[in-house]
Amino acid sequence: MIKGKSVLIEDDFKERRLAKGPVKDFSAAIQKVWEDPSFSWEGGESNLIAQKRGIRAVFKLLDAFEDENLVIGTHGNIMVLIFNFFDAAYGFQFWQQLDMPDLYELTFDGKSLLNVTRHWQR
């Protein structure tokens, strides 16, 4: 509980599965899926599939908690895929520059993203 609020687990915010098992060259494997959003490694999710899942979760929460402030915890790759849905400037290079952890505030008007503000500085 956070100040009397429940913590909800939303499975669609889980990190994307890159491949069925470990990949030999993670950097090359992740770059490939960003270069071709419909491509997926065996047993993994393409960027498009993972992005649809993440956006489904965002829209679900925006509908359920309209005009409320939310805190969402997720992984970097799915987070950037969600940002990318609204603005293509959030892509592979942006993902590479994330700190782990990182913190962003997103401001919405309905289901339209108005602003992204970074709140984490190392």
PDB file of N, CA and C in Angstrom:
ATOM      1  N   MET A   1       0.834  -1.184   0.000  1.00  0.00           N
ATOM      2  CA  MET A   1       0.000   0.000   0.000  1.00  0.00           C
ATOM      3  C   MET A   1       0.880   1.250   0.000  1.00  0.00           C
ATOM      4  N   ILE A   2       0.485   2.208  -0.774  1.00  0.00           N
ATOM      5  CA  ILE A   2       1.169   3.497  -0.824  1.00  0.00           C
ATOM      6  C   ILE A   2       0.132   4.557  -0.478  1.00  0.00           C
ATOM      7  N   LYS A   3       0.255   5.152   0.698  1.00  0.00           N
ATOM      8  CA  LYS A   3      -0.692   6.176   1.155  1.00  0.00           C
ATOM      9  C   LYS A   3      -2.132   5.740   0.919  1.00  0.00           C
ATOM     10  N   GLY A   4      -2.434   4.523   1.312  1.00  0.00           N
ATOM     11  CA  GLY A   4      -3.798   4.034   1.192  1.00  0.00           C
ATOM     12  C   GLY A   4      -4.191   3.567  -0.197  1.00  0.00           C
ATOM     13  N   LYS A   5      -3.255   3.546  -1.132  1.00  0.00           N
ATOM     14  CA  LYS A   5      -3.540   3.100  -2.495  1.00  0.00           C
ATOM     15  C   LYS A   5      -3.022   1.686  -2.695  1.00  0.00           C
ATOM     16  N   SER A   6      -3.714   0.935  -3.473  1.00  0.00           N
ATOM     17  CA  SER A   6      -3.283  -0.420  -3.786  1.00  0.00           C
ATOM     18  C   SER A   6      -2.249  -0.407  -4.901  1.00  0.00           C
ATOM     19  N   VAL A   7      -1.383  -1.375  -4.858  1.00  0.00           N
ATOM     20  CA  VAL A   7      -0.432  -1.589  -5.939  1.00  0.00           C
ATOM     21  C   VAL A   7      -1.039  -2.636  -6.865  1.00  0.00           C
ATOM     22  N   LEU A   8      -1.203  -2.274  -8.116  1.00  0.00           N
ATOM     23  CA  LEU A   8      -1.770  -3.181  -9.103  1.00  0.00           C
ATOM     24  C   LEU A   8      -0.650  -3.760  -9.955  1.00  0.00           C
ATOM     25  N   ILE A   9      -0.710  -5.030 -10.220  1.00  0.00           N
ATOM     26  CA  ILE A   9       0.250  -5.675 -11.106  1.00  0.00           C
ATOM     27  C   ILE A   9      -0.401  -5.788 -12.484  1.00  0.00           C
ATOM     28  N   GLU A  10       0.205  -5.159 -13.468  1.00  0.00           N
ATOM     29  CA  GLU A  10      -0.302  -5.202 -14.841  1.00  0.00           C
ATOM     30  C   GLU A  10       0.701  -5.988 -15.674  1.00  0.00           C
ATOM     31  N   ASP A  11       0.344  -7.209 -16.017  1.00  0.00           N
ATOM     32  CA  ASP A  11       1.261  -8.092 -16.740  1.00  0.00           C
ATOM     33  C   ASP A  11       1.744  -7.512 -18.068  1.00  0.00           C
ATOM     34  N   ASP A  12       0.951  -6.666 -18.696  1.00  0.00           N
ATOM     35  CA  ASP A  12       1.351  -6.120 -19.995  1.00  0.00           C
ATOM     36  C   ASP A  12       2.514  -5.134 -19.901  1.00  0.00           C
ATOM     37  N   PHE A  13       2.909  -4.752 -18.689  1.00  0.00           N
ATOM     38  CA  PHE A  13       4.089  -3.894 -18.525  1.00  0.00           C
ATOM     39  C   PHE A  13       5.373  -4.703 -18.330  1.00  0.00           C
ATOM     40  N   LYS A  14       5.283  -6.037 -18.379  1.00  0.00           N
ATOM     41  CA  LYS A  14       6.498  -6.841 -18.236  1.00  0.00           C
ATOM     42  C   LYS A  14       7.430  -6.556 -19.417  1.00  0.00           C
ATOM     43  N   GLU A  15       8.719  -6.800 -19.198  1.00  0.00           N
ATOM     44  CA  GLU A  15       9.689  -6.553 -20.259  1.00  0.00           C
ATOM     45  C   GLU A  15       9.422  -7.457 -21.447  1.00  0.00           C
ATOM     46  N   ARG A  16       9.780  -6.978 -22.598  1.00  0.00           N
ATOM     47  CA  ARG A  16       9.599  -7.758 -23.816  1.00  0.00           C
ATOM     48  C   ARG A  16      10.551  -8.945 -23.809  1.00  0.00           C
ATOM     49  N   ARG A  17      10.101 -10.038 -24.363  1.00  0.00           N
ATOM     50  CA  ARG A  17      10.950 -11.220 -24.512  1.00  0.00           C
ATOM     51  C   ARG A  17      11.660 -11.090 -25.847  1.00  0.00           C
ATOM     52  N   LEU A  18      12.979 -10.989 -25.801  1.00  0.00           N
ATOM     53  CA  LEU A  18      13.745 -10.794 -27.019  1.00  0.00           C
ATOM     54  C   LEU A  18      13.846 -12.081 -27.833  1.00  0.00           C
ATOM     55  N   ALA A  19      14.066 -13.195 -27.169  1.00  0.00           N
ATOM     56  CA  ALA A  19      14.228 -14.483 -27.856  1.00  0.00           C
ATOM     57  C   ALA A  19      13.861 -15.603 -26.893  1.00  0.00           C
ATOM     58  N   LYS A  20      13.755 -16.797 -27.443  1.00  0.00           N
ATOM     59  CA  LYS A  20      13.407 -17.983 -26.641  1.00  0.00           C
ATOM     60  C   LYS A  20      14.425 -18.219 -25.529  1.00  0.00           C
ATOM     61  N   GLY A  21      15.663 -18.011 -25.821  1.00  0.00           N
ATOM     62  CA  GLY A  21      16.729 -18.212 -24.851  1.00  0.00           C
ATOM     63  C   GLY A  21      17.745 -17.102 -24.962  1.00  0.00           C
ATOM     64  N   PRO A  22      18.872 -17.246 -24.307  1.00  0.00           N
ATOM     65  CA  PRO A  22      19.919 -16.224 -24.391  1.00  0.00           C
ATOM     66  C   PRO A  22      20.409 -16.061 -25.838  1.00  0.00           C
ATOM     67  N   VAL A  23      20.749 -14.840 -26.182  1.00  0.00           N
ATOM     68  CA  VAL A  23      21.306 -14.562 -27.508  1.00  0.00           C
ATOM     69  C   VAL A  23      22.812 -14.384 -27.371  1.00  0.00           C
ATOM     70  N   LYS A  24      23.542 -14.745 -28.413  1.00  0.00           N
ATOM     71  CA  LYS A  24      25.013 -14.654 -28.360  1.00  0.00           C
ATOM     72  C   LYS A  24      25.482 -13.211 -28.280  1.00  0.00           C
ATOM     73  N   ASP A  25      24.866 -12.338 -29.077  1.00  0.00           N
ATOM     74  CA  ASP A  25      25.272 -10.935 -29.130  1.00  0.00           C
ATOM     75  C   ASP A  25      24.042 -10.074 -28.871  1.00  0.00           C
ATOM     76  N   PHE A  26      23.826  -9.722 -27.596  1.00  0.00           N
ATOM     77  CA  PHE A  26      22.636  -8.965 -27.217  1.00  0.00           C
ATOM     78  C   PHE A  26      22.543  -7.653 -27.983  1.00  0.00           C
ATOM     79  N   SER A  27      23.647  -6.932 -28.109  1.00  0.00           N
ATOM     80  CA  SER A  27      23.630  -5.632 -28.791  1.00  0.00           C
ATOM     81  C   SER A  27      23.134  -5.760 -30.226  1.00  0.00           C
ATOM     82  N   ALA A  28      23.641  -6.739 -30.949  1.00  0.00           N
ATOM     83  CA  ALA A  28      23.208  -6.949 -32.337  1.00  0.00           C
ATOM     84  C   ALA A  28      21.757  -7.407 -32.393  1.00  0.00           C
ATOM     85  N   ALA A  29      21.357  -8.260 -31.464  1.00  0.00           N
ATOM     86  CA  ALA A  29      19.987  -8.787 -31.459  1.00  0.00           C
ATOM     87  C   ALA A  29      18.969  -7.688 -31.178  1.00  0.00           C
ATOM     88  N   ILE A  30      19.263  -6.814 -30.224  1.00  0.00           N
ATOM     89  CA  ILE A  30      18.314  -5.752 -29.889  1.00  0.00           C
ATOM     90  C   ILE A  30      18.284  -4.696 -30.990  1.00  0.00           C
ATOM     91  N   GLN A  31      19.432  -4.427 -31.593  1.00  0.00           N
ATOM     92  CA  GLN A  31      19.472  -3.457 -32.693  1.00  0.00           C
ATOM     93  C   GLN A  31      18.628  -3.949 -33.872  1.00  0.00           C
ATOM     94  N   LYS A  32      18.680  -5.234 -34.158  1.00  0.00           N
ATOM     95  CA  LYS A  32      17.920  -5.809 -35.273  1.00  0.00           C
ATOM     96  C   LYS A  32      16.416  -5.589 -35.097  1.00  0.00           C
ATOM     97  N   VAL A  33      15.892  -5.803 -33.890  1.00  0.00           N
ATOM     98  CA  VAL A  33      14.445  -5.629 -33.696  1.00  0.00           C
ATOM     99  C   VAL A  33      14.030  -4.166 -33.758  1.00  0.00           C
ATOM    100  N   TRP A  34      14.954  -3.264 -33.448  1.00  0.00           N
ATOM    101  CA  TRP A  34      14.639  -1.837 -33.585  1.00  0.00           C
ATOM    102  C   TRP A  34      14.724  -1.401 -35.041  1.00  0.00           C
ATOM    103  N   GLU A  35      15.609  -2.011 -35.818  1.00  0.00           N
ATOM    104  CA  GLU A  35      15.723  -1.675 -37.243  1.00  0.00           C
ATOM    105  C   GLU A  35      14.507  -2.152 -38.033  1.00  0.00           C
ATOM    106  N   ASP A  36      13.938  -3.280 -37.632  1.00  0.00           N
ATOM    107  CA  ASP A  36      12.782  -3.861 -38.321  1.00  0.00           C
ATOM    108  C   ASP A  36      11.722  -4.178 -37.264  1.00  0.00           C
ATOM    109  N   PRO A  37      10.794  -3.241 -37.006  1.00  0.00           N
ATOM    110  CA  PRO A  37       9.830  -3.402 -35.921  1.00  0.00           C
ATOM    111  C   PRO A  37       8.960  -4.652 -35.992  1.00  0.00           C
ATOM    112  N   SER A  38       8.808  -5.242 -37.178  1.00  0.00           N
ATOM    113  CA  SER A  38       7.981  -6.445 -37.285  1.00  0.00           C
ATOM    114  C   SER A  38       8.805  -7.733 -37.124  1.00  0.00           C
ATOM    115  N   PHE A  39      10.135  -7.602 -37.053  1.00  0.00           N
ATOM    116  CA  PHE A  39      11.015  -8.767 -36.915  1.00  0.00           C
ATOM    117  C   PHE A  39      11.012  -9.267 -35.477  1.00  0.00           C
ATOM    118  N   SER A  40      11.037 -10.595 -35.326  1.00  0.00           N
ATOM    119  CA  SER A  40      11.229 -11.174 -33.994  1.00  0.00           C
ATOM    120  C   SER A  40      12.172 -12.368 -34.106  1.00  0.00           C
ATOM    121  N   TRP A  41      12.988 -12.518 -33.079  1.00  0.00           N
ATOM    122  CA  TRP A  41      13.839 -13.689 -32.968  1.00  0.00           C
ATOM    123  C   TRP A  41      12.963 -14.851 -32.527  1.00  0.00           C
ATOM    124  N   GLU A  42      13.407 -16.074 -32.773  1.00  0.00           N
ATOM    125  CA  GLU A  42      12.628 -17.259 -32.417  1.00  0.00           C
ATOM    126  C   GLU A  42      12.215 -17.200 -30.947  1.00  0.00           C
ATOM    127  N   GLY A  43      10.913 -17.304 -30.716  1.00  0.00           N
ATOM    128  CA  GLY A  43      10.384 -17.296 -29.358  1.00  0.00           C
ATOM    129  C   GLY A  43      10.297 -15.928 -28.715  1.00  0.00           C
ATOM    130  N   GLY A  44      10.623 -14.879 -29.466  1.00  0.00           N
ATOM    131  CA  GLY A  44      10.603 -13.528 -28.914  1.00  0.00           C
ATOM    132  C   GLY A  44       9.474 -12.692 -29.471  1.00  0.00           C
ATOM    133  N   GLU A  45       9.384 -11.468 -28.980  1.00  0.00           N
ATOM    134  CA  GLU A  45       8.372 -10.519 -29.445  1.00  0.00           C
ATOM    135  C   GLU A  45       9.022  -9.500 -30.368  1.00  0.00           C
ATOM    136  N   SER A  46       8.334  -9.154 -31.426  1.00  0.00           N
ATOM    137  CA  SER A  46       8.773  -8.042 -32.263  1.00  0.00           C
ATOM    138  C   SER A  46       8.507  -6.742 -31.501  1.00  0.00           C
ATOM    139  N   ASN A  47       9.102  -5.664 -31.962  1.00  0.00           N
ATOM    140  CA  ASN A  47       8.816  -4.365 -31.357  1.00  0.00           C
ATOM    141  C   ASN A  47       7.333  -4.033 -31.475  1.00  0.00           C
ATOM    142  N   LEU A  48       6.735  -4.343 -32.624  1.00  0.00           N
ATOM    143  CA  LEU A  48       5.319  -4.024 -32.812  1.00  0.00           C
ATOM    144  C   LEU A  48       4.425  -4.772 -31.829  1.00  0.00           C
ATOM    145  N   ILE A  49       4.683  -6.046 -31.634  1.00  0.00           N
ATOM    146  CA  ILE A  49       3.872  -6.842 -30.713  1.00  0.00           C
ATOM    147  C   ILE A  49       4.058  -6.353 -29.277  1.00  0.00           C
ATOM    148  N   ALA A  50       5.304  -6.133 -28.878  1.00  0.00           N
ATOM    149  CA  ALA A  50       5.574  -5.659 -27.518  1.00  0.00           C
ATOM    150  C   ALA A  50       4.972  -4.266 -27.312  1.00  0.00           C
ATOM    151  N   GLN A  51       5.085  -3.416 -28.316  1.00  0.00           N
ATOM    152  CA  GLN A  51       4.535  -2.066 -28.216  1.00  0.00           C
ATOM    153  C   GLN A  51       3.012  -2.107 -28.066  1.00  0.00           C
ATOM    154  N   LYS A  52       2.344  -2.942 -28.852  1.00  0.00           N
ATOM    155  CA  LYS A  52       0.882  -3.064 -28.745  1.00  0.00           C
ATOM    156  C   LYS A  52       0.479  -3.494 -27.338  1.00  0.00           C
ATOM    157  N   ARG A  53       1.222  -4.409 -26.769  1.00  0.00           N
ATOM    158  CA  ARG A  53       0.955  -4.880 -25.412  1.00  0.00           C
ATOM    159  C   ARG A  53       1.119  -3.743 -24.406  1.00  0.00           C
ATOM    160  N   GLY A  54       2.206  -3.002 -24.528  1.00  0.00           N
ATOM    161  CA  GLY A  54       2.452  -1.888 -23.609  1.00  0.00           C
ATOM    162  C   GLY A  54       1.411  -0.785 -23.742  1.00  0.00           C
ATOM    163  N   ILE A  55       1.048  -0.454 -24.960  1.00  0.00           N
ATOM    164  CA  ILE A  55       0.043   0.590 -25.193  1.00  0.00           C
ATOM    165  C   ILE A  55      -1.322   0.145 -24.675  1.00  0.00           C
ATOM    166  N   ARG A  56      -1.639  -1.129 -24.860  1.00  0.00           N
ATOM    167  CA  ARG A  56      -2.901  -1.660 -24.326  1.00  0.00           C
ATOM    168  C   ARG A  56      -2.960  -1.409 -22.808  1.00  0.00           C
ATOM    169  N   ALA A  57      -1.853  -1.641 -22.123  1.00  0.00           N
ATOM    170  CA  ALA A  57      -1.800  -1.434 -20.675  1.00  0.00           C
ATOM    171  C   ALA A  57      -1.931   0.046 -20.319  1.00  0.00           C
ATOM    172  N   VAL A  58      -1.248   0.911 -21.066  1.00  0.00           N
ATOM    173  CA  VAL A  58      -1.331   2.355 -20.810  1.00  0.00           C
ATOM    174  C   VAL A  58      -2.766   2.831 -20.996  1.00  0.00           C
ATOM    175  N   PHE A  59      -3.384   2.477 -22.099  1.00  0.00           N
ATOM    176  CA  PHE A  59      -4.746   2.928 -22.367  1.00  0.00           C
ATOM    177  C   PHE A  59      -5.733   2.375 -21.338  1.00  0.00           C
ATOM    178  N   LYS A  60      -5.508   1.157 -20.886  1.00  0.00           N
ATOM    179  CA  LYS A  60      -6.358   0.560 -19.855  1.00  0.00           C
ATOM    180  C   LYS A  60      -6.307   1.403 -18.580  1.00  0.00           C
ATOM    181  N   LEU A  61      -5.099   1.808 -18.188  1.00  0.00           N
ATOM    182  CA  LEU A  61      -4.950   2.612 -16.973  1.00  0.00           C
ATOM    183  C   LEU A  61      -5.479   4.025 -17.165  1.00  0.00           C
ATOM    184  N   LEU A  62      -5.249   4.609 -18.343  1.00  0.00           N
ATOM    185  CA  LEU A  62      -5.775   5.954 -18.600  1.00  0.00           C
ATOM    186  C   LEU A  62      -7.299   5.965 -18.539  1.00  0.00           C
ATOM    187  N   ASP A  63      -7.921   4.899 -19.021  1.00  0.00           N
ATOM    188  CA  ASP A  63      -9.381   4.794 -18.943  1.00  0.00           C
ATOM    189  C   ASP A  63      -9.850   4.584 -17.502  1.00  0.00           C
ATOM    190  N   ALA A  64      -9.177   3.721 -16.780  1.00  0.00           N
ATOM    191  CA  ALA A  64      -9.599   3.367 -15.425  1.00  0.00           C
ATOM    192  C   ALA A  64      -9.338   4.478 -14.407  1.00  0.00           C
ATOM    193  N   PHE A  65      -8.306   5.286 -14.643  1.00  0.00           N
ATOM    194  CA  PHE A  65      -7.908   6.303 -13.669  1.00  0.00           C
ATOM    195  C   PHE A  65      -7.859   7.686 -14.307  1.00  0.00           C
ATOM    196  N   GLU A  66      -8.874   7.994 -15.079  1.00  0.00           N
ATOM    197  CA  GLU A  66      -8.951   9.282 -15.776  1.00  0.00           C
ATOM    198  C   GLU A  66      -8.800  10.429 -14.777  1.00  0.00           C
ATOM    199  N   ASP A  67      -7.981  11.414 -15.136  1.00  0.00           N
ATOM    200  CA  ASP A  67      -7.740  12.619 -14.324  1.00  0.00           C
ATOM    201  C   ASP A  67      -7.060  12.327 -12.985  1.00  0.00           C
ATOM    202  N   GLU A  68      -6.372  11.185 -12.892  1.00  0.00           N
ATOM    203  CA  GLU A  68      -5.617  10.877 -11.679  1.00  0.00           C
ATOM    204  C   GLU A  68      -4.140  10.753 -12.033  1.00  0.00           C
ATOM    205  N   ASN A  69      -3.296  10.912 -11.022  1.00  0.00           N
ATOM    206  CA  ASN A  69      -1.870  10.695 -11.207  1.00  0.00           C
ATOM    207  C   ASN A  69      -1.565   9.230 -10.949  1.00  0.00           C
ATOM    208  N   LEU A  70      -0.726   8.661 -11.801  1.00  0.00           N
ATOM    209  CA  LEU A  70      -0.344   7.252 -11.684  1.00  0.00           C
ATOM    210  C   LEU A  70       1.165   7.139 -11.650  1.00  0.00           C
ATOM    211  N   VAL A  71       1.643   6.103 -11.001  1.00  0.00           N
ATOM    212  CA  VAL A  71       3.054   5.737 -11.045  1.00  0.00           C
ATOM    213  C   VAL A  71       3.115   4.351 -11.668  1.00  0.00           C
ATOM    214  N   ILE A  72       3.909   4.223 -12.721  1.00  0.00           N
ATOM    215  CA  ILE A  72       4.056   2.945 -13.418  1.00  0.00           C
ATOM    216  C   ILE A  72       5.517   2.543 -13.364  1.00  0.00           C
ATOM    217  N   GLY A  73       5.769   1.336 -12.920  1.00  0.00           N
ATOM    218  CA  GLY A  73       7.118   0.787 -12.945  1.00  0.00           C
ATOM    219  C   GLY A  73       7.195  -0.258 -14.041  1.00  0.00           C
ATOM    220  N   THR A  74       8.204  -0.147 -14.880  1.00  0.00           N
ATOM    221  CA  THR A  74       8.371  -1.111 -15.963  1.00  0.00           C
ATOM    222  C   THR A  74       9.842  -1.179 -16.350  1.00  0.00           C
ATOM    223  N   HIS A  75      10.129  -1.905 -17.391  1.00  0.00           N
ATOM    224  CA  HIS A  75      11.495  -2.069 -17.893  1.00  0.00           C
ATOM    225  C   HIS A  75      11.759  -1.075 -19.016  1.00  0.00           C
ATOM    226  N   GLY A  76      13.037  -0.807 -19.260  1.00  0.00           N
ATOM    227  CA  GLY A  76      13.432   0.223 -20.211  1.00  0.00           C
ATOM    228  C   GLY A  76      12.978  -0.008 -21.632  1.00  0.00           C
ATOM    229  N   ASN A  77      13.083  -1.232 -22.130  1.00  0.00           N
ATOM    230  CA  ASN A  77      12.760  -1.465 -23.535  1.00  0.00           C
ATOM    231  C   ASN A  77      11.279  -1.285 -23.796  1.00  0.00           C
ATOM    232  N   ILE A  78      10.431  -1.846 -22.950  1.00  0.00           N
ATOM    233  CA  ILE A  78       8.990  -1.692 -23.150  1.00  0.00           C
ATOM    234  C   ILE A  78       8.587  -0.236 -22.922  1.00  0.00           C
ATOM    235  N   MET A  79       9.258   0.435 -21.994  1.00  0.00           N
ATOM    236  CA  MET A  79       8.969   1.846 -21.752  1.00  0.00           C
ATOM    237  C   MET A  79       9.221   2.677 -23.001  1.00  0.00           C
ATOM    238  N   VAL A  80      10.363   2.470 -23.641  1.00  0.00           N
ATOM    239  CA  VAL A  80      10.697   3.246 -24.827  1.00  0.00           C
ATOM    240  C   VAL A  80       9.777   2.869 -25.998  1.00  0.00           C
ATOM    241  N   LEU A  81       9.390   1.614 -26.088  1.00  0.00           N
ATOM    242  CA  LEU A  81       8.426   1.232 -27.121  1.00  0.00           C
ATOM    243  C   LEU A  81       7.096   1.955 -26.906  1.00  0.00           C
ATOM    244  N   ILE A  82       6.686   2.148 -25.673  1.00  0.00           N
ATOM    245  CA  ILE A  82       5.465   2.903 -25.385  1.00  0.00           C
ATOM    246  C   ILE A  82       5.657   4.364 -25.795  1.00  0.00           C
ATOM    247  N   PHE A  83       6.766   4.976 -25.398  1.00  0.00           N
ATOM    248  CA  PHE A  83       7.045   6.357 -25.807  1.00  0.00           C
ATOM    249  C   PHE A  83       7.032   6.466 -27.327  1.00  0.00           C
ATOM    250  N   ASN A  84       7.655   5.492 -27.990  1.00  0.00           N
ATOM    251  CA  ASN A  84       7.793   5.482 -29.447  1.00  0.00           C
ATOM    252  C   ASN A  84       6.443   5.445 -30.153  1.00  0.00           C
ATOM    253  N   PHE A  85       5.452   4.832 -29.549  1.00  0.00           N
ATOM    254  CA  PHE A  85       4.103   4.804 -30.123  1.00  0.00           C
ATOM    255  C   PHE A  85       3.598   6.228 -30.352  1.00  0.00           C
ATOM    256  N   PHE A  86       3.926   7.132 -29.431  1.00  0.00           N
ATOM    257  CA  PHE A  86       3.457   8.510 -29.493  1.00  0.00           C
ATOM    258  C   PHE A  86       4.400   9.424 -30.265  1.00  0.00           C
ATOM    259  N   ASP A  87       5.688   9.079 -30.294  1.00  0.00           N
ATOM    260  CA  ASP A  87       6.682   9.951 -30.935  1.00  0.00           C
ATOM    261  C   ASP A  87       7.875   9.102 -31.382  1.00  0.00           C
ATOM    262  N   ALA A  88       8.090   9.025 -32.692  1.00  0.00           N
ATOM    263  CA  ALA A  88       9.158   8.199 -33.266  1.00  0.00           C
ATOM    264  C   ALA A  88      10.557   8.639 -32.833  1.00  0.00           C
ATOM    265  N   ALA A  89      10.682   9.824 -32.256  1.00  0.00           N
ATOM    266  CA  ALA A  89      11.994  10.280 -31.777  1.00  0.00           C
ATOM    267  C   ALA A  89      12.506   9.390 -30.644  1.00  0.00           C
ATOM    268  N   TYR A  90      11.594   8.692 -29.974  1.00  0.00           N
ATOM    269  CA  TYR A  90      11.985   7.760 -28.923  1.00  0.00           C
ATOM    270  C   TYR A  90      12.234   6.410 -29.569  1.00  0.00           C
ATOM    271  N   GLY A  91      13.479   6.168 -29.912  1.00  0.00           N
ATOM    272  CA  GLY A  91      13.849   4.950 -30.613  1.00  0.00           C
ATOM    273  C   GLY A  91      15.049   4.277 -29.978  1.00  0.00           C
ATOM    274  N   PHE A  92      15.760   3.552 -30.802  1.00  0.00           N
ATOM    275  CA  PHE A  92      16.896   2.757 -30.339  1.00  0.00           C
ATOM    276  C   PHE A  92      17.964   3.614 -29.659  1.00  0.00           C
ATOM    277  N   GLN A  93      18.310   4.755 -30.267  1.00  0.00           N
ATOM    278  CA  GLN A  93      19.343   5.609 -29.675  1.00  0.00           C
ATOM    279  C   GLN A  93      18.902   6.160 -28.319  1.00  0.00           C
ATOM    280  N   PHE A  94      17.636   6.512 -28.209  1.00  0.00           N
ATOM    281  CA  PHE A  94      17.111   6.982 -26.925  1.00  0.00           C
ATOM    282  C   PHE A  94      17.219   5.863 -25.883  1.00  0.00           C
ATOM    283  N   TRP A  95      16.811   4.653 -26.269  1.00  0.00           N
ATOM    284  CA  TRP A  95      16.883   3.501 -25.365  1.00  0.00           C
ATOM    285  C   TRP A  95      18.322   3.273 -24.881  1.00  0.00           C
ATOM    286  N   GLN A  96      19.296   3.397 -25.802  1.00  0.00           N
ATOM    287  CA  GLN A  96      20.692   3.179 -25.440  1.00  0.00           C
ATOM    288  C   GLN A  96      21.182   4.176 -24.398  1.00  0.00           C
ATOM    289  N   GLN A  97      20.579   5.348 -24.340  1.00  0.00           N
ATOM    290  CA  GLN A  97      21.039   6.398 -23.430  1.00  0.00           C
ATOM    291  C   GLN A  97      20.323   6.394 -22.083  1.00  0.00           C
ATOM    292  N   LEU A  98      19.407   5.446 -21.873  1.00  0.00           N
ATOM    293  CA  LEU A  98      18.714   5.374 -20.592  1.00  0.00           C
ATOM    294  C   LEU A  98      19.687   5.042 -19.471  1.00  0.00           C
ATOM    295  N   ASP A  99      19.434   5.612 -18.322  1.00  0.00           N
ATOM    296  CA  ASP A  99      20.099   5.166 -17.101  1.00  0.00           C
ATOM    297  C   ASP A  99      19.259   4.036 -16.539  1.00  0.00           C
ATOM    298  N   MET A 100      19.863   3.199 -15.748  1.00  0.00           N
ATOM    299  CA  MET A 100      19.145   2.114 -15.096  1.00  0.00           C
ATOM    300  C   MET A 100      19.353   2.256 -13.599  1.00  0.00           C
ATOM    301  N   PRO A 101      18.394   2.775 -12.853  1.00  0.00           N
ATOM    302  CA  PRO A 101      17.027   3.111 -13.244  1.00  0.00           C
ATOM    303  C   PRO A 101      16.952   4.497 -13.860  1.00  0.00           C
ATOM    304  N   ASP A 102      15.801   4.810 -14.405  1.00  0.00           N
ATOM    305  CA  ASP A 102      15.524   6.120 -14.973  1.00  0.00           C
ATOM    306  C   ASP A 102      14.094   6.480 -14.610  1.00  0.00           C
ATOM    307  N   LEU A 103      13.759   7.756 -14.661  1.00  0.00           N
ATOM    308  CA  LEU A 103      12.445   8.201 -14.222  1.00  0.00           C
ATOM    309  C   LEU A 103      11.922   9.281 -15.163  1.00  0.00           C
ATOM    310  N   TYR A 104      10.741   9.040 -15.710  1.00  0.00           N
ATOM    311  CA  TYR A 104      10.108   9.971 -16.637  1.00  0.00           C
ATOM    312  C   TYR A 104       8.686  10.254 -16.210  1.00  0.00           C
ATOM    313  N   GLU A 105       8.273  11.487 -16.398  1.00  0.00           N
ATOM    314  CA  GLU A 105       6.899  11.895 -16.166  1.00  0.00           C
ATOM    315  C   GLU A 105       6.245  12.136 -17.519  1.00  0.00           C
ATOM    316  N   LEU A 106       5.124  11.495 -17.746  1.00  0.00           N
ATOM    317  CA  LEU A 106       4.363  11.678 -18.970  1.00  0.00           C
ATOM    318  C   LEU A 106       3.065  12.392 -18.637  1.00  0.00           C
ATOM    319  N   THR A 107       2.731  13.391 -19.426  1.00  0.00           N
ATOM    320  CA  THR A 107       1.499  14.138 -19.244  1.00  0.00           C
ATOM    321  C   THR A 107       0.593  13.842 -20.426  1.00  0.00           C
ATOM    322  N   PHE A 108      -0.632  13.444 -20.112  1.00  0.00           N
ATOM    323  CA  PHE A 108      -1.601  13.073 -21.134  1.00  0.00           C
ATOM    324  C   PHE A 108      -2.815  13.999 -21.095  1.00  0.00           C
ATOM    325  N   ASP A 109      -3.428  14.167 -22.250  1.00  0.00           N
ATOM    326  CA  ASP A 109      -4.759  14.740 -22.376  1.00  0.00           C
ATOM    327  C   ASP A 109      -5.586  13.637 -23.012  1.00  0.00           C
ATOM    328  N   GLY A 110      -6.383  12.974 -22.201  1.00  0.00           N
ATOM    329  CA  GLY A 110      -7.071  11.776 -22.689  1.00  0.00           C
ATOM    330  C   GLY A 110      -6.019  10.728 -23.015  1.00  0.00           C
ATOM    331  N   LYS A 111      -5.981  10.317 -24.281  1.00  0.00           N
ATOM    332  CA  LYS A 111      -4.985   9.331 -24.718  1.00  0.00           C
ATOM    333  C   LYS A 111      -3.915   9.950 -25.607  1.00  0.00           C
ATOM    334  N   SER A 112      -3.825  11.273 -25.565  1.00  0.00           N
ATOM    335  CA  SER A 112      -2.790  11.983 -26.328  1.00  0.00           C
ATOM    336  C   SER A 112      -1.655  12.372 -25.388  1.00  0.00           C
ATOM    337  N   LEU A 113      -0.446  12.016 -25.757  1.00  0.00           N
ATOM    338  CA  LEU A 113       0.722  12.372 -24.956  1.00  0.00           C
ATOM    339  C   LEU A 113       1.079  13.824 -25.238  1.00  0.00           C
ATOM    340  N   LEU A 114       1.113  14.633 -24.186  1.00  0.00           N
ATOM    341  CA  LEU A 114       1.423  16.052 -24.329  1.00  0.00           C
ATOM    342  C   LEU A 114       2.879  16.371 -24.054  1.00  0.00           C
ATOM    343  N   ASN A 115       3.462  15.673 -23.068  1.00  0.00           N
ATOM    344  CA  ASN A 115       4.803  16.050 -22.640  1.00  0.00           C
ATOM    345  C   ASN A 115       5.499  14.882 -21.955  1.00  0.00           C
ATOM    346  N   VAL A 116       6.824  14.829 -22.132  1.00  0.00           N
ATOM    347  CA  VAL A 116       7.672  13.858 -21.444  1.00  0.00           C
ATOM    348  C   VAL A 116       8.760  14.652 -20.731  1.00  0.00           C
ATOM    349  N   THR A 117       8.890  14.437 -19.433  1.00  0.00           N
ATOM    350  CA  THR A 117       9.904  15.131 -18.631  1.00  0.00           C
ATOM    351  C   THR A 117      10.737  14.090 -17.903  1.00  0.00           C
ATOM    352  N   ARG A 118      12.047  14.219 -18.018  1.00  0.00           N
ATOM    353  CA  ARG A 118      12.956  13.314 -17.308  1.00  0.00           C
ATOM    354  C   ARG A 118      13.204  13.866 -15.918  1.00  0.00           C
ATOM    355  N   HIS A 119      13.154  13.000 -14.916  1.00  0.00           N
ATOM    356  CA  HIS A 119      13.346  13.410 -13.522  1.00  0.00           C
ATOM    357  C   HIS A 119      14.513  12.695 -12.857  1.00  0.00           C
ATOM    358  N   TRP A 120      15.337  12.051 -13.621  1.00  0.00           N
ATOM    359  CA  TRP A 120      16.439  11.285 -13.025  1.00  0.00           C
ATOM    360  C   TRP A 120      17.748  11.819 -13.563  1.00  0.00           C
ATOM    361  N   GLN A 121      18.652  12.132 -12.692  1.00  0.00           N
ATOM    362  CA  GLN A 121      19.998  12.566 -13.100  1.00  0.00           C
ATOM    363  C   GLN A 121      21.009  11.850 -12.233  1.00  0.00           C
ATOM    364  N   ARG A 122      21.966  11.210 -12.851  1.00  0.00           N
ATOM    365  CA  ARG A 122      23.034  10.556 -12.084  1.00  0.00           C
ATOM    366  C   ARG A 122      24.097  11.563 -11.768  1.00  0.00           C
TER     367      ARG A 122
END
